[in-house]
Amino acid sequence: MTCSRSGNLWTADVDLPTPVLFPGAAHLPFTVTGSAGAAAEAD
């Protein structure tokens, strides 16, 4: 997971292996990737 600020926007990127999402599933060799952003509030 990474979080960073670019100007007035915070962003987060996450990679999650499929066994975490589907325990016991038969050989799911892929990673679920997600990203999100939110406006930075006043400091």
N, C-alpha and C. Protein backbone atom coordinates (compact mmCIF):
# COMPACT_ATOMS: atom_id res chain seq x y z
N MET A 1 0.85 -1.17 0.00
CA MET A 1 0.00 0.00 0.00
C MET A 1 0.90 1.23 0.00
N THR A 2 0.53 2.21 -0.80
CA THR A 2 1.23 3.48 -0.79
C THR A 2 0.22 4.61 -0.69
N CYS A 3 0.58 5.64 0.05
CA CYS A 3 -0.23 6.85 0.16
C CYS A 3 0.67 8.03 -0.15
N SER A 4 0.14 8.99 -0.89
CA SER A 4 0.94 10.16 -1.21
C SER A 4 0.02 11.37 -1.41
N ARG A 5 0.63 12.53 -1.29
CA ARG A 5 -0.12 13.77 -1.49
C ARG A 5 0.44 14.49 -2.70
N SER A 6 -0.43 14.92 -3.58
CA SER A 6 -0.04 15.66 -4.76
C SER A 6 -0.92 16.90 -4.82
N GLY A 7 -0.37 18.03 -4.43
CA GLY A 7 -1.17 19.26 -4.38
C GLY A 7 -2.24 19.14 -3.32
N ASN A 8 -3.51 19.25 -3.71
CA ASN A 8 -4.63 19.17 -2.77
C ASN A 8 -5.32 17.81 -2.81
N LEU A 9 -4.60 16.77 -3.23
CA LEU A 9 -5.20 15.44 -3.37
C LEU A 9 -4.34 14.38 -2.70
N TRP A 10 -4.94 13.59 -1.82
CA TRP A 10 -4.30 12.41 -1.25
C TRP A 10 -4.71 11.22 -2.10
N THR A 11 -3.75 10.35 -2.42
CA THR A 11 -4.07 9.14 -3.16
C THR A 11 -3.52 7.93 -2.43
N ALA A 12 -4.20 6.80 -2.61
CA ALA A 12 -3.77 5.54 -2.02
C ALA A 12 -3.87 4.46 -3.10
N ASP A 13 -2.85 3.60 -3.17
CA ASP A 13 -2.83 2.47 -4.09
C ASP A 13 -2.59 1.21 -3.27
N VAL A 14 -3.40 0.18 -3.54
CA VAL A 14 -3.35 -1.06 -2.76
C VAL A 14 -3.31 -2.26 -3.70
N ASP A 15 -2.46 -3.25 -3.40
CA ASP A 15 -2.43 -4.53 -4.10
C ASP A 15 -2.75 -5.61 -3.07
N LEU A 16 -3.72 -6.46 -3.37
CA LEU A 16 -4.16 -7.48 -2.42
C LEU A 16 -4.18 -8.84 -3.10
N PRO A 17 -3.35 -9.79 -2.63
CA PRO A 17 -3.34 -11.13 -3.22
C PRO A 17 -4.69 -11.82 -3.03
N THR A 18 -5.13 -12.57 -4.01
CA THR A 18 -6.44 -13.20 -3.95
C THR A 18 -6.63 -14.21 -2.83
N PRO A 19 -5.63 -14.93 -2.35
CA PRO A 19 -5.91 -15.84 -1.23
C PRO A 19 -6.45 -15.12 0.00
N VAL A 20 -6.12 -13.84 0.18
CA VAL A 20 -6.67 -13.08 1.30
C VAL A 20 -8.16 -12.88 1.11
N LEU A 21 -8.58 -12.65 -0.14
CA LEU A 21 -9.99 -12.40 -0.43
C LEU A 21 -10.81 -13.69 -0.47
N PHE A 22 -10.20 -14.77 -0.96
CA PHE A 22 -10.90 -16.04 -1.16
C PHE A 22 -10.12 -17.18 -0.52
N PRO A 23 -10.08 -17.27 0.81
CA PRO A 23 -9.30 -18.33 1.44
C PRO A 23 -9.79 -19.71 1.00
N GLY A 24 -8.85 -20.58 0.69
CA GLY A 24 -9.19 -21.94 0.31
C GLY A 24 -9.56 -22.10 -1.15
N ALA A 25 -9.61 -21.03 -1.91
CA ALA A 25 -9.94 -21.13 -3.33
C ALA A 25 -8.80 -21.83 -4.07
N ALA A 26 -9.14 -22.53 -5.11
CA ALA A 26 -8.15 -23.34 -5.82
C ALA A 26 -7.31 -22.49 -6.78
N HIS A 27 -6.08 -22.25 -6.41
CA HIS A 27 -5.06 -21.66 -7.28
C HIS A 27 -5.53 -20.43 -8.06
N LEU A 28 -5.75 -19.37 -7.36
CA LEU A 28 -6.12 -18.12 -8.02
C LEU A 28 -4.87 -17.23 -8.07
N PRO A 29 -4.08 -17.31 -9.11
CA PRO A 29 -2.79 -16.61 -9.13
C PRO A 29 -2.87 -15.17 -9.65
N PHE A 30 -3.70 -14.34 -9.04
CA PHE A 30 -3.72 -12.95 -9.46
C PHE A 30 -3.86 -12.04 -8.26
N THR A 31 -3.58 -10.77 -8.48
CA THR A 31 -3.64 -9.76 -7.42
C THR A 31 -4.72 -8.75 -7.79
N VAL A 32 -5.52 -8.38 -6.80
CA VAL A 32 -6.54 -7.34 -6.98
C VAL A 32 -5.89 -6.01 -6.65
N THR A 33 -6.01 -5.06 -7.57
CA THR A 33 -5.40 -3.75 -7.40
C THR A 33 -6.49 -2.69 -7.29
N GLY A 34 -6.30 -1.75 -6.37
CA GLY A 34 -7.27 -0.68 -6.22
C GLY A 34 -6.57 0.63 -5.94
N SER A 35 -7.24 1.71 -6.26
CA SER A 35 -6.71 3.03 -5.97
C SER A 35 -7.86 3.97 -5.66
N ALA A 36 -7.56 5.00 -4.88
CA ALA A 36 -8.58 5.96 -4.50
C ALA A 36 -7.91 7.32 -4.25
N GLY A 37 -8.71 8.35 -4.27
CA GLY A 37 -8.21 9.68 -3.99
C GLY A 37 -9.23 10.47 -3.18
N ALA A 38 -8.73 11.42 -2.42
CA ALA A 38 -9.61 12.27 -1.61
C ALA A 38 -8.98 13.65 -1.50
N ALA A 39 -9.81 14.67 -1.47
CA ALA A 39 -9.32 16.04 -1.34
C ALA A 39 -8.68 16.24 0.02
N ALA A 40 -7.55 16.91 0.04
CA ALA A 40 -6.87 17.23 1.29
C ALA A 40 -7.60 18.37 1.98
N GLU A 41 -7.85 18.22 3.27
CA GLU A 41 -8.50 19.29 4.02
C GLU A 41 -7.46 20.28 4.50
N ALA A 42 -7.89 21.42 5.00
CA ALA A 42 -6.97 22.47 5.46
C ALA A 42 -6.05 21.93 6.55
N ASP A 43 -4.80 22.36 6.53
CA ASP A 43 -3.81 21.92 7.54
C ASP A 43 -4.04 22.58 8.85
